[in-house]
């Protein structure tokens, strides 16, 4: 999809970063036809919290050139951040660290944990 539609490139970059940072053993994901849904592994018994990365065609509005990442909780204490798509991968890992305590083992360059984007 991202090869044919550049506006989805940041979604593919997030998935690539999970594999490139050796996190596929600790995270599981699926798509809802539009959004990327991520949960920890092993997958807990329902109900459980998830991270949703909203795509450009999401049912939840996303401004052009932006990404929305949400922590959807069973308690209703959800968290939602919108940033430019250039911040999608660091923002995703910020959610993984803050919400699940999962930091990437390494980045593509061999460095450890990426820096999160600046707070707004």
PDB file of N, CA and C in Angstrom:
ATOM      1  N   UNK A   1       0.823  -1.194   0.000  1.00  0.00           N
ATOM      2  CA  UNK A   1       0.000   0.000   0.000  1.00  0.00           C
ATOM      3  C   UNK A   1       0.867   1.258   0.000  1.00  0.00           C
ATOM      4  N   UNK A   2       1.910   1.266   0.834  1.00  0.00           N
ATOM      5  CA  UNK A   2       2.765   2.447   0.943  1.00  0.00           C
ATOM      6  C   UNK A   2       3.555   2.699  -0.338  1.00  0.00           C
ATOM      7  N   UNK A   3       3.848   1.636  -1.094  1.00  0.00           N
ATOM      8  CA  UNK A   3       4.555   1.824  -2.358  1.00  0.00           C
ATOM      9  C   UNK A   3       3.686   2.547  -3.380  1.00  0.00           C
ATOM     10  N   UNK A   4       2.405   2.259  -3.376  1.00  0.00           N
ATOM     11  CA  UNK A   4       1.483   2.881  -4.326  1.00  0.00           C
ATOM     12  C   UNK A   4       0.945   4.223  -3.828  1.00  0.00           C
ATOM     13  N   UNK A   5       0.917   4.420  -2.505  1.00  0.00           N
ATOM     14  CA  UNK A   5       0.333   5.633  -1.921  1.00  0.00           C
ATOM     15  C   UNK A   5       1.278   6.174  -0.851  1.00  0.00           C
ATOM     16  N   UNK A   6       2.054   7.172  -1.219  1.00  0.00           N
ATOM     17  CA  UNK A   6       3.079   7.732  -0.335  1.00  0.00           C
ATOM     18  C   UNK A   6       2.513   8.212   1.002  1.00  0.00           C
ATOM     19  N   UNK A   7       1.247   8.597   1.035  1.00  0.00           N
ATOM     20  CA  UNK A   7       0.665   9.091   2.290  1.00  0.00           C
ATOM     21  C   UNK A   7       0.585   8.012   3.371  1.00  0.00           C
ATOM     22  N   UNK A   8       0.839   6.745   2.991  1.00  0.00           N
ATOM     23  CA  UNK A   8       0.861   5.639   3.954  1.00  0.00           C
ATOM     24  C   UNK A   8       2.281   5.226   4.333  1.00  0.00           C
ATOM     25  N   UNK A   9       3.292   5.890   3.793  1.00  0.00           N
ATOM     26  CA  UNK A   9       4.686   5.500   4.022  1.00  0.00           C
ATOM     27  C   UNK A   9       5.029   5.435   5.500  1.00  0.00           C
ATOM     28  N   UNK A  10       4.562   6.387   6.297  1.00  0.00           N
ATOM     29  CA  UNK A  10       4.897   6.392   7.729  1.00  0.00           C
ATOM     30  C   UNK A  10       4.359   5.149   8.436  1.00  0.00           C
ATOM     31  N   UNK A  11       3.248   4.593   7.961  1.00  0.00           N
ATOM     32  CA  UNK A  11       2.700   3.368   8.559  1.00  0.00           C
ATOM     33  C   UNK A  11       3.663   2.202   8.310  1.00  0.00           C
ATOM     34  N   UNK A  12       4.145   2.088   7.082  1.00  0.00           N
ATOM     35  CA  UNK A  12       5.106   1.031   6.745  1.00  0.00           C
ATOM     36  C   UNK A  12       6.411   1.244   7.505  1.00  0.00           C
ATOM     37  N   UNK A  13       6.818   2.490   7.693  1.00  0.00           N
ATOM     38  CA  UNK A  13       8.045   2.778   8.443  1.00  0.00           C
ATOM     39  C   UNK A  13       7.931   2.311   9.893  1.00  0.00           C
ATOM     40  N   UNK A  14       6.764   2.457  10.482  1.00  0.00           N
ATOM     41  CA  UNK A  14       6.559   1.981  11.857  1.00  0.00           C
ATOM     42  C   UNK A  14       6.705   0.467  11.910  1.00  0.00           C
ATOM     43  N   UNK A  15       6.054  -0.234  10.997  1.00  0.00           N
ATOM     44  CA  UNK A  15       6.155  -1.701  10.968  1.00  0.00           C
ATOM     45  C   UNK A  15       7.600  -2.121  10.733  1.00  0.00           C
ATOM     46  N   UNK A  16       8.277  -1.477   9.778  1.00  0.00           N
ATOM     47  CA  UNK A  16       9.683  -1.799   9.514  1.00  0.00           C
ATOM     48  C   UNK A  16      10.537  -1.587  10.758  1.00  0.00           C
ATOM     49  N   UNK A  17      10.224  -0.547  11.535  1.00  0.00           N
ATOM     50  CA  UNK A  17      11.021  -0.273  12.731  1.00  0.00           C
ATOM     51  C   UNK A  17      10.855  -1.352  13.790  1.00  0.00           C
ATOM     52  N   UNK A  18       9.675  -1.965  13.861  1.00  0.00           N
ATOM     53  CA  UNK A  18       9.465  -3.059  14.824  1.00  0.00           C
ATOM     54  C   UNK A  18      10.391  -4.222  14.485  1.00  0.00           C
ATOM     55  N   UNK A  19      10.468  -4.564  13.201  1.00  0.00           N
ATOM     56  CA  UNK A  19      11.355  -5.648  12.784  1.00  0.00           C
ATOM     57  C   UNK A  19      12.819  -5.230  12.845  1.00  0.00           C
ATOM     58  N   UNK A  20      13.121  -3.998  12.465  1.00  0.00           N
ATOM     59  CA  UNK A  20      14.492  -3.511  12.463  1.00  0.00           C
ATOM     60  C   UNK A  20      15.066  -3.294  13.843  1.00  0.00           C
ATOM     61  N   UNK A  21      14.216  -3.209  14.833  1.00  0.00           N
ATOM     62  CA  UNK A  21      14.674  -2.980  16.210  1.00  0.00           C
ATOM     63  C   UNK A  21      14.440  -4.187  17.095  1.00  0.00           C
ATOM     64  N   UNK A  22      14.326  -5.342  16.477  1.00  0.00           N
ATOM     65  CA  UNK A  22      14.206  -6.609  17.211  1.00  0.00           C
ATOM     66  C   UNK A  22      13.068  -6.611  18.226  1.00  0.00           C
ATOM     67  N   UNK A  23      11.932  -6.010  17.883  1.00  0.00           N
ATOM     68  CA  UNK A  23      10.806  -5.942  18.809  1.00  0.00           C
ATOM     69  C   UNK A  23       9.656  -6.863  18.415  1.00  0.00           C
ATOM     70  N   UNK A  24       9.805  -7.633  17.355  1.00  0.00           N
ATOM     71  CA  UNK A  24       8.723  -8.507  16.896  1.00  0.00           C
ATOM     72  C   UNK A  24       8.386  -9.592  17.913  1.00  0.00           C
ATOM     73  N   UNK A  25       9.296  -9.891  18.803  1.00  0.00           N
ATOM     74  CA  UNK A  25       9.030 -10.896  19.844  1.00  0.00           C
ATOM     75  C   UNK A  25       8.197 -10.336  20.994  1.00  0.00           C
ATOM     76  N   UNK A  26       8.161  -9.000  21.131  1.00  0.00           N
ATOM     77  CA  UNK A  26       7.447  -8.392  22.254  1.00  0.00           C
ATOM     78  C   UNK A  26       6.184  -7.647  21.849  1.00  0.00           C
ATOM     79  N   UNK A  27       5.989  -7.454  20.533  1.00  0.00           N
ATOM     80  CA  UNK A  27       4.809  -6.737  20.044  1.00  0.00           C
ATOM     81  C   UNK A  27       4.082  -7.557  18.987  1.00  0.00           C
ATOM     82  N   UNK A  28       2.755  -7.455  18.995  1.00  0.00           N
ATOM     83  CA  UNK A  28       1.924  -8.071  17.959  1.00  0.00           C
ATOM     84  C   UNK A  28       1.069  -6.972  17.357  1.00  0.00           C
ATOM     85  N   UNK A  29       0.748  -7.111  16.090  1.00  0.00           N
ATOM     86  CA  UNK A  29      -0.048  -6.092  15.441  1.00  0.00           C
ATOM     87  C   UNK A  29      -0.995  -6.668  14.416  1.00  0.00           C
ATOM     88  N   UNK A  30      -1.991  -5.889  14.083  1.00  0.00           N
ATOM     89  CA  UNK A  30      -2.919  -6.221  13.011  1.00  0.00           C
ATOM     90  C   UNK A  30      -3.455  -4.909  12.453  1.00  0.00           C
ATOM     91  N   UNK A  31      -4.142  -5.001  11.352  1.00  0.00           N
ATOM     92  CA  UNK A  31      -4.764  -3.799  10.811  1.00  0.00           C
ATOM     93  C   UNK A  31      -6.268  -3.952  10.886  1.00  0.00           C
ATOM     94  N   UNK A  32      -6.922  -2.820  10.921  1.00  0.00           N
ATOM     95  CA  UNK A  32      -8.380  -2.797  10.931  1.00  0.00           C
ATOM     96  C   UNK A  32      -8.877  -2.371   9.552  1.00  0.00           C
ATOM     97  N   UNK A  33      -8.150  -2.727   8.518  1.00  0.00           N
ATOM     98  CA  UNK A  33      -8.307  -2.272   7.136  1.00  0.00           C
ATOM     99  C   UNK A  33      -7.768  -0.865   6.970  1.00  0.00           C
ATOM    100  N   UNK A  34      -7.723  -0.103   8.014  1.00  0.00           N
ATOM    101  CA  UNK A  34      -7.242   1.267   7.926  1.00  0.00           C
ATOM    102  C   UNK A  34      -6.108   1.518   8.911  1.00  0.00           C
ATOM    103  N   UNK A  35      -6.329   1.222  10.161  1.00  0.00           N
ATOM    104  CA  UNK A  35      -5.400   1.564  11.228  1.00  0.00           C
ATOM    105  C   UNK A  35      -4.536   0.370  11.614  1.00  0.00           C
ATOM    106  N   UNK A  36      -3.412   0.676  12.252  1.00  0.00           N
ATOM    107  CA  UNK A  36      -2.530  -0.341  12.792  1.00  0.00           C
ATOM    108  C   UNK A  36      -2.827  -0.461  14.284  1.00  0.00           C
ATOM    109  N   UNK A  37      -3.115  -1.661  14.736  1.00  0.00           N
ATOM    110  CA  UNK A  37      -3.422  -1.925  16.145  1.00  0.00           C
ATOM    111  C   UNK A  37      -2.275  -2.756  16.716  1.00  0.00           C
ATOM    112  N   UNK A  38      -1.695  -2.309  17.835  1.00  0.00           N
ATOM    113  CA  UNK A  38      -0.528  -2.970  18.411  1.00  0.00           C
ATOM    114  C   UNK A  38      -0.809  -3.309  19.867  1.00  0.00           C
ATOM    115  N   UNK A  39      -0.358  -4.489  20.276  1.00  0.00           N
ATOM    116  CA  UNK A  39      -0.503  -4.968  21.647  1.00  0.00           C
ATOM    117  C   UNK A  39       0.770  -5.726  22.018  1.00  0.00           C
ATOM    118  N   UNK A  40       0.979  -5.921  23.308  1.00  0.00           N
ATOM    119  CA  UNK A  40       2.151  -6.659  23.757  1.00  0.00           C
ATOM    120  C   UNK A  40       1.990  -8.153  23.521  1.00  0.00           C
ATOM    121  N   UNK A  41       3.134  -8.843  23.449  1.00  0.00           N
ATOM    122  CA  UNK A  41       3.150 -10.299  23.367  1.00  0.00           C
ATOM    123  C   UNK A  41       3.772 -10.833  24.646  1.00  0.00           C
ATOM    124  N   UNK A  42       3.295 -11.945  25.156  1.00  0.00           N
ATOM    125  CA  UNK A  42       2.155 -12.692  24.657  1.00  0.00           C
ATOM    126  C   UNK A  42       0.873 -11.869  24.809  1.00  0.00           C
ATOM    127  N   UNK A  43      -0.036 -12.064  23.873  1.00  0.00           N
ATOM    128  CA  UNK A  43      -1.281 -11.299  23.876  1.00  0.00           C
ATOM    129  C   UNK A  43      -2.088 -11.686  25.111  1.00  0.00           C
ATOM    130  N   UNK A  44      -2.466 -10.692  25.928  1.00  0.00           N
ATOM    131  CA  UNK A  44      -3.206 -10.988  27.156  1.00  0.00           C
ATOM    132  C   UNK A  44      -4.644 -11.416  26.862  1.00  0.00           C
ATOM    133  N   UNK A  45      -5.289 -11.939  27.870  1.00  0.00           N
ATOM    134  CA  UNK A  45      -6.717 -12.256  27.757  1.00  0.00           C
ATOM    135  C   UNK A  45      -7.488 -10.940  27.700  1.00  0.00           C
ATOM    136  N   UNK A  46      -8.547 -10.860  26.886  1.00  0.00           N
ATOM    137  CA  UNK A  46      -9.340  -9.631  26.820  1.00  0.00           C
ATOM    138  C   UNK A  46     -10.048  -9.373  28.143  1.00  0.00           C
ATOM    139  N   UNK A  47     -10.324  -8.145  28.445  1.00  0.00           N
ATOM    140  CA  UNK A  47     -10.003  -6.938  27.681  1.00  0.00           C
ATOM    141  C   UNK A  47      -8.574  -6.507  27.944  1.00  0.00           C
ATOM    142  N   UNK A  48      -7.982  -5.799  26.988  1.00  0.00           N
ATOM    143  CA  UNK A  48      -6.622  -5.308  27.146  1.00  0.00           C
ATOM    144  C   UNK A  48      -6.449  -3.990  26.387  1.00  0.00           C
ATOM    145  N   UNK A  49      -5.432  -3.236  26.817  1.00  0.00           N
ATOM    146  CA  UNK A  49      -5.107  -1.961  26.179  1.00  0.00           C
ATOM    147  C   UNK A  49      -4.460  -2.215  24.823  1.00  0.00           C
ATOM    148  N   UNK A  50      -4.614  -1.267  23.907  1.00  0.00           N
ATOM    149  CA  UNK A  50      -3.944  -1.331  22.611  1.00  0.00           C
ATOM    150  C   UNK A  50      -3.416   0.053  22.247  1.00  0.00           C
ATOM    151  N   UNK A  51      -2.480   0.070  21.343  1.00  0.00           N
ATOM    152  CA  UNK A  51      -2.010   1.295  20.711  1.00  0.00           C
ATOM    153  C   UNK A  51      -2.577   1.288  19.301  1.00  0.00           C
ATOM    154  N   UNK A  52      -3.206   2.388  18.903  1.00  0.00           N
ATOM    155  CA  UNK A  52      -3.741   2.499  17.547  1.00  0.00           C
ATOM    156  C   UNK A  52      -2.980   3.605  16.820  1.00  0.00           C
ATOM    157  N   UNK A  53      -2.451   3.258  15.650  1.00  0.00           N
ATOM    158  CA  UNK A  53      -1.843   4.237  14.760  1.00  0.00           C
ATOM    159  C   UNK A  53      -2.866   4.478  13.660  1.00  0.00           C
ATOM    160  N   UNK A  54      -3.438   5.665  13.632  1.00  0.00           N
ATOM    161  CA  UNK A  54      -4.492   5.983  12.666  1.00  0.00           C
ATOM    162  C   UNK A  54      -3.892   6.283  11.300  1.00  0.00           C
ATOM    163  N   UNK A  55      -4.437   5.655  10.294  1.00  0.00           N
ATOM    164  CA  UNK A  55      -3.958   5.845   8.925  1.00  0.00           C
ATOM    165  C   UNK A  55      -4.620   7.064   8.290  1.00  0.00           C
ATOM    166  N   UNK A  56      -4.133   7.490   7.128  1.00  0.00           N
ATOM    167  CA  UNK A  56      -4.774   8.610   6.428  1.00  0.00           C
ATOM    168  C   UNK A  56      -6.231   8.330   6.061  1.00  0.00           C
ATOM    169  N   UNK A  57      -6.612   7.052   5.965  1.00  0.00           N
ATOM    170  CA  UNK A  57      -7.999   6.710   5.620  1.00  0.00           C
ATOM    171  C   UNK A  57      -8.793   6.229   6.829  1.00  0.00           C
ATOM    172  N   UNK A  58      -8.321   6.546   8.006  1.00  0.00           N
ATOM    173  CA  UNK A  58      -8.964   6.124   9.242  1.00  0.00           C
ATOM    174  C   UNK A  58     -10.378   6.695   9.369  1.00  0.00           C
ATOM    175  N   UNK A  59     -11.201   5.989  10.136  1.00  0.00           N
ATOM    176  CA  UNK A  59     -12.531   6.503  10.449  1.00  0.00           C
ATOM    177  C   UNK A  59     -12.440   7.676  11.426  1.00  0.00           C
ATOM    178  N   UNK A  60     -11.275   7.816  12.103  1.00  0.00           N
ATOM    179  CA  UNK A  60     -11.030   8.926  13.002  1.00  0.00           C
ATOM    180  C   UNK A  60     -10.184   9.931  12.247  1.00  0.00           C
ATOM    181  N   UNK A  61     -10.603  11.174  12.159  1.00  0.00           N
ATOM    182  CA  UNK A  61      -9.924  12.156  11.306  1.00  0.00           C
ATOM    183  C   UNK A  61      -8.450  12.353  11.645  1.00  0.00           C
ATOM    184  N   UNK A  62      -7.647  12.387  10.580  1.00  0.00           N
ATOM    185  CA  UNK A  62      -6.225  12.675  10.683  1.00  0.00           C
ATOM    186  C   UNK A  62      -5.923  13.763   9.653  1.00  0.00           C
ATOM    187  N   UNK A  63      -5.303  14.843  10.103  1.00  0.00           N
ATOM    188  CA  UNK A  63      -4.961  15.922   9.166  1.00  0.00           C
ATOM    189  C   UNK A  63      -3.934  15.440   8.149  1.00  0.00           C
ATOM    190  N   UNK A  64      -4.022  15.953   6.959  1.00  0.00           N
ATOM    191  CA  UNK A  64      -3.073  15.608   5.905  1.00  0.00           C
ATOM    192  C   UNK A  64      -1.650  15.885   6.371  1.00  0.00           C
ATOM    193  N   UNK A  65      -0.773  14.912   6.159  1.00  0.00           N
ATOM    194  CA  UNK A  65       0.625  15.074   6.551  1.00  0.00           C
ATOM    195  C   UNK A  65       0.891  14.813   8.021  1.00  0.00           C
ATOM    196  N   UNK A  66      -0.115  14.298   8.738  1.00  0.00           N
ATOM    197  CA  UNK A  66       0.030  14.028  10.167  1.00  0.00           C
ATOM    198  C   UNK A  66      -0.271  12.571  10.477  1.00  0.00           C
ATOM    199  N   UNK A  67       0.177  12.154  11.655  1.00  0.00           N
ATOM    200  CA  UNK A  67      -0.141  10.843  12.187  1.00  0.00           C
ATOM    201  C   UNK A  67      -0.786  11.041  13.553  1.00  0.00           C
ATOM    202  N   UNK A  68      -1.752  10.209  13.861  1.00  0.00           N
ATOM    203  CA  UNK A  68      -2.365  10.187  15.192  1.00  0.00           C
ATOM    204  C   UNK A  68      -2.073   8.817  15.789  1.00  0.00           C
ATOM    205  N   UNK A  69      -1.510   8.824  16.989  1.00  0.00           N
ATOM    206  CA  UNK A  69      -1.270   7.587  17.725  1.00  0.00           C
ATOM    207  C   UNK A  69      -2.008   7.709  19.045  1.00  0.00           C
ATOM    208  N   UNK A  70      -2.742   6.632  19.379  1.00  0.00           N
ATOM    209  CA  UNK A  70      -3.572   6.625  20.579  1.00  0.00           C
ATOM    210  C   UNK A  70      -3.285   5.400  21.428  1.00  0.00           C
ATOM    211  N   UNK A  71      -3.346   5.589  22.717  1.00  0.00           N
ATOM    212  CA  UNK A  71      -3.342   4.483  23.673  1.00  0.00           C
ATOM    213  C   UNK A  71      -4.786   4.333  24.119  1.00  0.00           C
ATOM    214  N   UNK A  72      -5.408   3.235  23.725  1.00  0.00           N
ATOM    215  CA  UNK A  72      -6.807   2.975  24.070  1.00  0.00           C
ATOM    216  C   UNK A  72      -6.822   1.984  25.228  1.00  0.00           C
ATOM    217  N   UNK A  73      -7.381   2.417  26.361  1.00  0.00           N
ATOM    218  CA  UNK A  73      -7.310   1.631  27.583  1.00  0.00           C
ATOM    219  C   UNK A  73      -8.661   1.056  27.978  1.00  0.00           C
ATOM    220  N   UNK A  74      -8.617   0.010  28.773  1.00  0.00           N
ATOM    221  CA  UNK A  74      -9.859  -0.573  29.281  1.00  0.00           C
ATOM    222  C   UNK A  74     -10.466   0.308  30.365  1.00  0.00           C
ATOM    223  N   UNK A  75      -9.671   1.209  30.933  1.00  0.00           N
ATOM    224  CA  UNK A  75     -10.177   2.099  31.974  1.00  0.00           C
ATOM    225  C   UNK A  75     -10.765   3.386  31.398  1.00  0.00           C
ATOM    226  N   UNK A  76     -10.555   3.625  30.095  1.00  0.00           N
ATOM    227  CA  UNK A  76     -11.046   4.846  29.481  1.00  0.00           C
ATOM    228  C   UNK A  76     -10.105   6.026  29.614  1.00  0.00           C
ATOM    229  N   UNK A  77      -8.942   5.811  30.199  1.00  0.00           N
ATOM    230  CA  UNK A  77      -7.955   6.893  30.354  1.00  0.00           C
ATOM    231  C   UNK A  77      -7.044   6.909  29.126  1.00  0.00           C
ATOM    232  N   UNK A  78      -7.653   7.170  27.992  1.00  0.00           N
ATOM    233  CA  UNK A  78      -6.962   7.132  26.713  1.00  0.00           C
ATOM    234  C   UNK A  78      -6.027   8.322  26.556  1.00  0.00           C
ATOM    235  N   UNK A  79      -5.045   8.149  25.692  1.00  0.00           N
ATOM    236  CA  UNK A  79      -4.058   9.180  25.403  1.00  0.00           C
ATOM    237  C   UNK A  79      -3.944   9.276  23.886  1.00  0.00           C
ATOM    238  N   UNK A  80      -3.942  10.497  23.347  1.00  0.00           N
ATOM    239  CA  UNK A  80      -3.926  10.706  21.890  1.00  0.00           C
ATOM    240  C   UNK A  80      -2.965  11.831  21.564  1.00  0.00           C
ATOM    241  N   UNK A  81      -2.039  11.574  20.616  1.00  0.00           N
ATOM    242  CA  UNK A  81      -1.097  12.605  20.186  1.00  0.00           C
ATOM    243  C   UNK A  81      -1.078  12.639  18.665  1.00  0.00           C
ATOM    244  N   UNK A  82      -1.095  13.851  18.121  1.00  0.00           N
ATOM    245  CA  UNK A  82      -0.991  14.048  16.679  1.00  0.00           C
ATOM    246  C   UNK A  82       0.288  14.822  16.387  1.00  0.00           C
ATOM    247  N   UNK A  83       1.054  14.333  15.405  1.00  0.00           N
ATOM    248  CA  UNK A  83       2.308  14.960  15.000  1.00  0.00           C
ATOM    249  C   UNK A  83       2.457  14.840  13.486  1.00  0.00           C
ATOM    250  N   UNK A  84       3.386  15.574  12.891  1.00  0.00           N
ATOM    251  CA  UNK A  84       3.682  15.378  11.467  1.00  0.00           C
ATOM    252  C   UNK A  84       4.163  13.938  11.233  1.00  0.00           C
ATOM    253  N   UNK A  85       3.919  13.426  10.044  1.00  0.00           N
ATOM    254  CA  UNK A  85       4.299  12.036   9.750  1.00  0.00           C
ATOM    255  C   UNK A  85       5.802  11.802   9.888  1.00  0.00           C
ATOM    256  N   UNK A  86       6.598  12.835   9.777  1.00  0.00           N
ATOM    257  CA  UNK A  86       8.053  12.665   9.964  1.00  0.00           C
ATOM    258  C   UNK A  86       8.392  12.233  11.388  1.00  0.00           C
ATOM    259  N   UNK A  87       7.483  12.450  12.338  1.00  0.00           N
ATOM    260  CA  UNK A  87       7.685  12.042  13.733  1.00  0.00           C
ATOM    261  C   UNK A  87       7.018  10.705  14.056  1.00  0.00           C
ATOM    262  N   UNK A  88       6.468  10.016  13.057  1.00  0.00           N
ATOM    263  CA  UNK A  88       5.669   8.813  13.319  1.00  0.00           C
ATOM    264  C   UNK A  88       6.449   7.725  14.047  1.00  0.00           C
ATOM    265  N   UNK A  89       7.641   7.392  13.580  1.00  0.00           N
ATOM    266  CA  UNK A  89       8.403   6.303  14.206  1.00  0.00           C
ATOM    267  C   UNK A  89       8.838   6.675  15.617  1.00  0.00           C
ATOM    268  N   UNK A  90       9.462   7.839  15.847  1.00  0.00           N
ATOM    269  CA  UNK A  90       9.814   8.186  17.230  1.00  0.00           C
ATOM    270  C   UNK A  90       8.594   8.283  18.150  1.00  0.00           C
ATOM    271  N   UNK A  91       7.479   8.800  17.624  1.00  0.00           N
ATOM    272  CA  UNK A  91       6.274   8.896  18.437  1.00  0.00           C
ATOM    273  C   UNK A  91       5.747   7.516  18.787  1.00  0.00           C
ATOM    274  N   UNK A  92       5.763   6.597  17.840  1.00  0.00           N
ATOM    275  CA  UNK A  92       5.347   5.218  18.105  1.00  0.00           C
ATOM    276  C   UNK A  92       6.183   4.625  19.242  1.00  0.00           C
ATOM    277  N   UNK A  93       7.504   4.777  19.167  1.00  0.00           N
ATOM    278  CA  UNK A  93       8.365   4.196  20.207  1.00  0.00           C
ATOM    279  C   UNK A  93       8.192   4.913  21.540  1.00  0.00           C
ATOM    280  N   UNK A  94       7.870   6.171  21.500  1.00  0.00           N
ATOM    281  CA  UNK A  94       7.560   6.882  22.754  1.00  0.00           C
ATOM    282  C   UNK A  94       6.365   6.216  23.436  1.00  0.00           C
ATOM    283  N   UNK A  95       5.316   5.906  22.650  1.00  0.00           N
ATOM    284  CA  UNK A  95       4.153   5.216  23.216  1.00  0.00           C
ATOM    285  C   UNK A  95       4.537   3.838  23.737  1.00  0.00           C
ATOM    286  N   UNK A  96       5.370   3.107  23.007  1.00  0.00           N
ATOM    287  CA  UNK A  96       5.763   1.765  23.452  1.00  0.00           C
ATOM    288  C   UNK A  96       6.505   1.825  24.783  1.00  0.00           C
ATOM    289  N   UNK A  97       7.399   2.797  24.915  1.00  0.00           N
ATOM    290  CA  UNK A  97       8.167   2.945  26.157  1.00  0.00           C
ATOM    291  C   UNK A  97       7.269   3.402  27.296  1.00  0.00           C
ATOM    292  N   UNK A  98       6.474   4.450  27.074  1.00  0.00           N
ATOM    293  CA  UNK A  98       5.654   5.018  28.142  1.00  0.00           C
ATOM    294  C   UNK A  98       4.495   4.129  28.556  1.00  0.00           C
ATOM    295  N   UNK A  99       3.853   3.469  27.605  1.00  0.00           N
ATOM    296  CA  UNK A  99       2.638   2.714  27.908  1.00  0.00           C
ATOM    297  C   UNK A  99       2.904   1.257  28.227  1.00  0.00           C
ATOM    298  N   UNK A 100       3.907   0.667  27.576  1.00  0.00           N
ATOM    299  CA  UNK A 100       4.173  -0.766  27.762  1.00  0.00           C
ATOM    300  C   UNK A 100       5.539  -1.056  28.371  1.00  0.00           C
ATOM    301  N   UNK A 101       6.392  -0.050  28.484  1.00  0.00           N
ATOM    302  CA  UNK A 101       7.729  -0.283  29.008  1.00  0.00           C
ATOM    303  C   UNK A 101       8.602  -1.072  28.050  1.00  0.00           C
ATOM    304  N   UNK A 102       8.277  -1.025  26.754  1.00  0.00           N
ATOM    305  CA  UNK A 102       9.033  -1.768  25.745  1.00  0.00           C
ATOM    306  C   UNK A 102       9.867  -0.786  24.946  1.00  0.00           C
ATOM    307  N   UNK A 103      11.172  -0.889  25.112  1.00  0.00           N
ATOM    308  CA  UNK A 103      12.094  -0.065  24.327  1.00  0.00           C
ATOM    309  C   UNK A 103      12.720  -0.953  23.263  1.00  0.00           C
ATOM    310  N   UNK A 104      13.033  -0.392  22.126  1.00  0.00           N
ATOM    311  CA  UNK A 104      13.680  -1.196  21.091  1.00  0.00           C
ATOM    312  C   UNK A 104      15.064  -1.632  21.540  1.00  0.00           C
ATOM    313  N   UNK A 105      15.463  -2.810  21.138  1.00  0.00           N
ATOM    314  CA  UNK A 105      16.783  -3.328  21.500  1.00  0.00           C
ATOM    315  C   UNK A 105      17.868  -2.549  20.774  1.00  0.00           C
ATOM    316  N   UNK A 106      17.613  -2.256  19.486  1.00  0.00           N
ATOM    317  CA  UNK A 106      18.580  -1.484  18.714  1.00  0.00           C
ATOM    318  C   UNK A 106      17.836  -0.786  17.580  1.00  0.00           C
ATOM    319  N   UNK A 107      18.437   0.274  17.074  1.00  0.00           N
ATOM    320  CA  UNK A 107      17.901   0.921  15.888  1.00  0.00           C
ATOM    321  C   UNK A 107      18.614   0.350  14.672  1.00  0.00           C
ATOM    322  N   UNK A 108      18.197   0.758  13.495  1.00  0.00           N
ATOM    323  CA  UNK A 108      18.812   0.285  12.265  1.00  0.00           C
ATOM    324  C   UNK A 108      20.298   0.611  12.227  1.00  0.00           C
ATOM    325  N   UNK A 109      20.717   1.701  12.865  1.00  0.00           N
ATOM    326  CA  UNK A 109      22.119   2.102  12.869  1.00  0.00           C
ATOM    327  C   UNK A 109      22.912   1.431  13.979  1.00  0.00           C
ATOM    328  N   UNK A 110      22.234   0.631  14.814  1.00  0.00           N
ATOM    329  CA  UNK A 110      22.912  -0.039  15.904  1.00  0.00           C
ATOM    330  C   UNK A 110      22.829   0.724  17.213  1.00  0.00           C
ATOM    331  N   UNK A 111      22.264   1.935  17.202  1.00  0.00           N
ATOM    332  CA  UNK A 111      22.108   2.715  18.430  1.00  0.00           C
ATOM    333  C   UNK A 111      20.965   2.150  19.255  1.00  0.00           C
ATOM    334  N   UNK A 112      20.902   2.560  20.497  1.00  0.00           N
ATOM    335  CA  UNK A 112      19.797   2.133  21.350  1.00  0.00           C
ATOM    336  C   UNK A 112      18.626   3.080  21.225  1.00  0.00           C
ATOM    337  N   UNK A 113      17.695   2.982  22.093  1.00  0.00           N
ATOM    338  CA  UNK A 113      16.427   3.702  22.125  1.00  0.00           C
ATOM    339  C   UNK A 113      16.416   5.043  21.389  1.00  0.00           C
ATOM    340  N   UNK A 114      15.489   5.250  20.435  1.00  0.00           N
ATOM    341  CA  UNK A 114      15.423   6.512  19.715  1.00  0.00           C
ATOM    342  C   UNK A 114      14.892   7.631  20.594  1.00  0.00           C
ATOM    343  N   UNK A 115      15.261   8.831  20.277  1.00  0.00           N
ATOM    344  CA  UNK A 115      14.750   9.991  21.016  1.00  0.00           C
ATOM    345  C   UNK A 115      13.312  10.262  20.626  1.00  0.00           C
ATOM    346  N   UNK A 116      12.450  10.535  21.594  1.00  0.00           N
ATOM    347  CA  UNK A 116      11.067  10.880  21.260  1.00  0.00           C
ATOM    348  C   UNK A 116      11.018  12.280  20.668  1.00  0.00           C
ATOM    349  N   UNK A 117       9.928  12.573  19.923  1.00  0.00           N
ATOM    350  CA  UNK A 117       9.790  13.922  19.371  1.00  0.00           C
ATOM    351  C   UNK A 117       9.559  14.932  20.487  1.00  0.00           C
ATOM    352  N   UNK A 118       9.829  16.180  20.192  1.00  0.00           N
ATOM    353  CA  UNK A 118       9.643  17.251  21.164  1.00  0.00           C
ATOM    354  C   UNK A 118       8.171  17.354  21.556  1.00  0.00           C
ATOM    355  N   UNK A 119       7.925  17.698  22.795  1.00  0.00           N
ATOM    356  CA  UNK A 119       6.568  17.886  23.297  1.00  0.00           C
ATOM    357  C   UNK A 119       5.991  19.176  22.739  1.00  0.00           C
ATOM    358  N   UNK A 120       4.681  19.177  22.485  1.00  0.00           N
ATOM    359  CA  UNK A 120       4.032  20.412  21.999  1.00  0.00           C
ATOM    360  C   UNK A 120       3.427  21.173  23.143  1.00  0.00           C
TER     361      UNK A 120
END
